[in-house]
Amino acid sequence: MAGSRVSKLRAHVKNVRKDIERKGVLVDEEINVALRKMLYAGRRAIEQKIEPKDSKEYLEAAANLHKVVRGKQKGSGDGESVPLVSYRRFPKHKKRVVTLNARLKKMKHPTKGLSKLVHLANSKAKSDHEFEYFLKEIEWLLR
């Protein structure tokens, strides 16, 4: 019984991670740590035979994750927030995506349509070829 609750918890945390990526937030070490804390707090709640959502520790971990993600979404500059490209689904392009994200972070005023292209690259690219096409379009807008 507890095993199925733990697997549901794991699935929920994976879905939270996908939602974060879908928003265009790059999942870095800080977000990974917050996700792990949320998972561990949920497991401890299950071991104590209570629902994770009823556990104070789990709710605090989830609130902390939310705060971290919000901070990453706002960006560091005064300009608009620019979502970042995720290479998780296509790790072959990691080096190219990392350099693109560095350029995106430096932008103060994103070009019109850039956020939409990043969103499409993160969520709609079904193949390596499509992902590469979106990367080329993003690079073209960054010129």
Protein backbone atom coordinates (compact mmCIF):
# COMPACT_ATOMS: atom_id res chain seq x y z
CA MET A 1 0.00 0.00 0.00
CA ALA A 2 2.75 2.44 0.95
CA GLY A 3 4.69 1.47 -2.19
CA SER A 4 1.91 2.69 -4.46
CA ARG A 5 1.70 5.96 -2.52
CA VAL A 6 5.44 6.47 -2.95
CA SER A 7 5.21 5.79 -6.69
CA LYS A 8 2.34 8.29 -6.94
CA LEU A 9 4.48 10.80 -5.08
CA ARG A 10 7.40 10.18 -7.46
CA ALA A 11 5.09 10.63 -10.45
CA HIS A 12 3.77 13.86 -8.95
CA VAL A 13 7.30 15.24 -8.44
CA LYS A 14 8.17 14.30 -12.06
CA ASN A 15 5.08 16.16 -13.25
CA VAL A 16 6.07 19.20 -11.18
CA ARG A 17 9.50 19.10 -12.85
CA LYS A 18 7.87 18.91 -16.30
CA ASP A 19 5.65 21.88 -15.44
CA ILE A 20 8.70 23.88 -14.40
CA GLU A 21 10.44 23.04 -17.68
CA ARG A 22 7.27 23.82 -19.62
CA LYS A 23 7.32 27.31 -18.12
CA GLY A 24 10.76 27.73 -19.65
CA VAL A 25 12.66 27.72 -16.37
CA LEU A 26 15.98 25.95 -16.59
CA VAL A 27 16.10 23.20 -13.96
CA ASP A 28 19.42 23.82 -12.25
CA GLU A 29 20.99 22.38 -9.09
CA GLU A 30 19.01 24.69 -6.79
CA ILE A 31 15.68 23.53 -8.24
CA ASN A 32 16.83 19.89 -8.18
CA VAL A 33 17.65 20.20 -4.47
CA ALA A 34 14.23 21.74 -3.76
CA LEU A 35 12.52 18.92 -5.70
CA ARG A 36 14.47 16.29 -3.75
CA LYS A 37 13.56 17.92 -0.43
CA MET A 38 9.91 17.84 -1.47
CA LEU A 39 10.18 14.16 -2.41
CA TYR A 40 11.95 13.23 0.85
CA ALA A 41 9.43 15.16 2.94
CA GLY A 42 6.62 13.33 1.14
CA ARG A 43 8.26 9.97 1.78
CA ARG A 44 8.65 10.75 5.47
CA ALA A 45 4.98 11.70 5.63
CA ILE A 46 4.02 8.39 3.99
CA GLU A 47 6.21 6.50 6.47
CA GLN A 48 4.34 8.28 9.29
CA LYS A 49 1.09 7.12 7.63
CA ILE A 50 -0.16 10.58 6.72
CA GLU A 51 -0.82 12.13 3.34
CA PRO A 52 2.05 14.30 2.07
CA LYS A 53 -0.29 17.23 1.48
CA ASP A 54 -1.23 17.09 5.19
CA SER A 55 2.43 17.17 6.28
CA LYS A 56 3.80 20.53 7.38
CA GLU A 57 7.32 19.58 6.24
CA TYR A 58 6.09 18.64 2.74
CA LEU A 59 4.09 21.85 2.39
CA GLU A 60 7.12 23.91 3.45
CA ALA A 61 9.30 22.10 0.88
CA ALA A 62 6.69 22.72 -1.83
CA ALA A 63 6.45 26.40 -0.87
CA ASN A 64 10.24 26.67 -0.98
CA LEU A 65 10.30 25.09 -4.44
CA HIS A 66 7.65 27.55 -5.59
CA LYS A 67 9.71 30.46 -4.25
CA VAL A 68 12.86 29.23 -6.01
CA VAL A 69 11.04 28.78 -9.32
CA ARG A 70 9.45 32.24 -9.02
CA GLY A 71 12.88 33.74 -8.46
CA LYS A 72 14.22 32.01 -11.55
CA GLN A 73 11.24 33.14 -13.63
CA LYS A 74 11.66 36.81 -12.82
CA GLY A 75 15.22 36.89 -14.13
CA SER A 76 18.02 39.03 -12.81
CA GLY A 77 17.70 42.12 -15.00
CA ASP A 78 15.20 44.95 -14.99
CA GLY A 79 13.79 43.86 -18.34
CA GLU A 80 11.23 41.22 -19.10
CA SER A 81 11.82 37.65 -18.06
CA VAL A 82 13.18 35.45 -20.84
CA PRO A 83 12.47 31.72 -20.60
CA LEU A 84 15.40 29.38 -21.14
CA VAL A 85 15.74 26.38 -23.42
CA SER A 86 15.87 22.93 -21.83
CA TYR A 87 18.12 20.28 -23.34
CA ARG A 88 16.76 17.46 -21.20
CA ARG A 89 14.76 15.78 -23.97
CA PHE A 90 17.59 16.17 -26.49
CA PRO A 91 20.86 15.93 -24.50
CA LYS A 92 22.89 15.76 -27.70
CA HIS A 93 22.47 19.55 -28.00
CA LYS A 94 23.56 20.37 -24.43
CA LYS A 95 26.57 22.50 -25.35
CA ARG A 96 24.63 24.54 -27.89
CA VAL A 97 21.69 25.06 -25.51
CA VAL A 98 23.97 26.15 -22.66
CA THR A 99 25.56 28.86 -24.83
CA LEU A 100 22.12 29.95 -26.09
CA ASN A 101 20.81 30.19 -22.52
CA ALA A 102 23.79 32.31 -21.52
CA ARG A 103 22.93 34.72 -24.33
CA LEU A 104 19.25 34.67 -23.37
CA LYS A 105 20.05 35.50 -19.72
CA LYS A 106 21.99 38.61 -20.79
CA MET A 107 19.03 40.01 -22.74
CA LYS A 108 17.25 42.95 -21.16
CA HIS A 109 14.48 43.31 -23.75
CA PRO A 110 13.62 40.06 -25.56
CA THR A 111 12.82 40.15 -29.25
CA LYS A 112 9.18 39.69 -30.18
CA GLY A 113 8.40 36.00 -30.61
CA LEU A 114 11.45 34.75 -28.73
CA SER A 115 9.49 33.46 -25.74
CA LYS A 116 7.12 31.61 -28.06
CA LEU A 117 10.02 29.93 -29.87
CA VAL A 118 11.62 28.88 -26.60
CA HIS A 119 8.30 27.47 -25.43
CA LEU A 120 7.91 25.53 -28.70
CA ALA A 121 11.45 24.16 -28.42
CA ASN A 122 10.83 23.07 -24.83
CA SER A 123 7.41 21.51 -25.21
CA LYS A 124 6.46 20.87 -28.84
CA ALA A 125 9.63 19.55 -30.50
CA LYS A 126 8.94 15.87 -31.17
CA SER A 127 12.17 14.99 -32.89
CA ASP A 128 15.81 15.94 -32.85
CA HIS A 129 15.34 17.65 -36.20
CA GLU A 130 12.47 19.83 -34.94
CA PHE A 131 14.43 20.80 -31.83
CA GLU A 132 17.41 21.75 -33.98
CA TYR A 133 15.12 23.84 -36.20
CA PHE A 134 13.83 25.77 -33.16
CA LEU A 135 17.40 26.32 -31.94
CA LYS A 136 18.34 27.78 -35.35
CA GLU A 137 15.33 30.10 -35.25
CA ILE A 138 16.21 31.27 -31.72
CA GLU A 139 19.82 31.89 -32.79
CA TRP A 140 18.57 33.88 -35.75
CA LEU A 141 16.44 36.10 -33.48
CA LEU A 142 19.43 36.68 -31.19
CA ARG A 143 21.52 38.25 -33.97
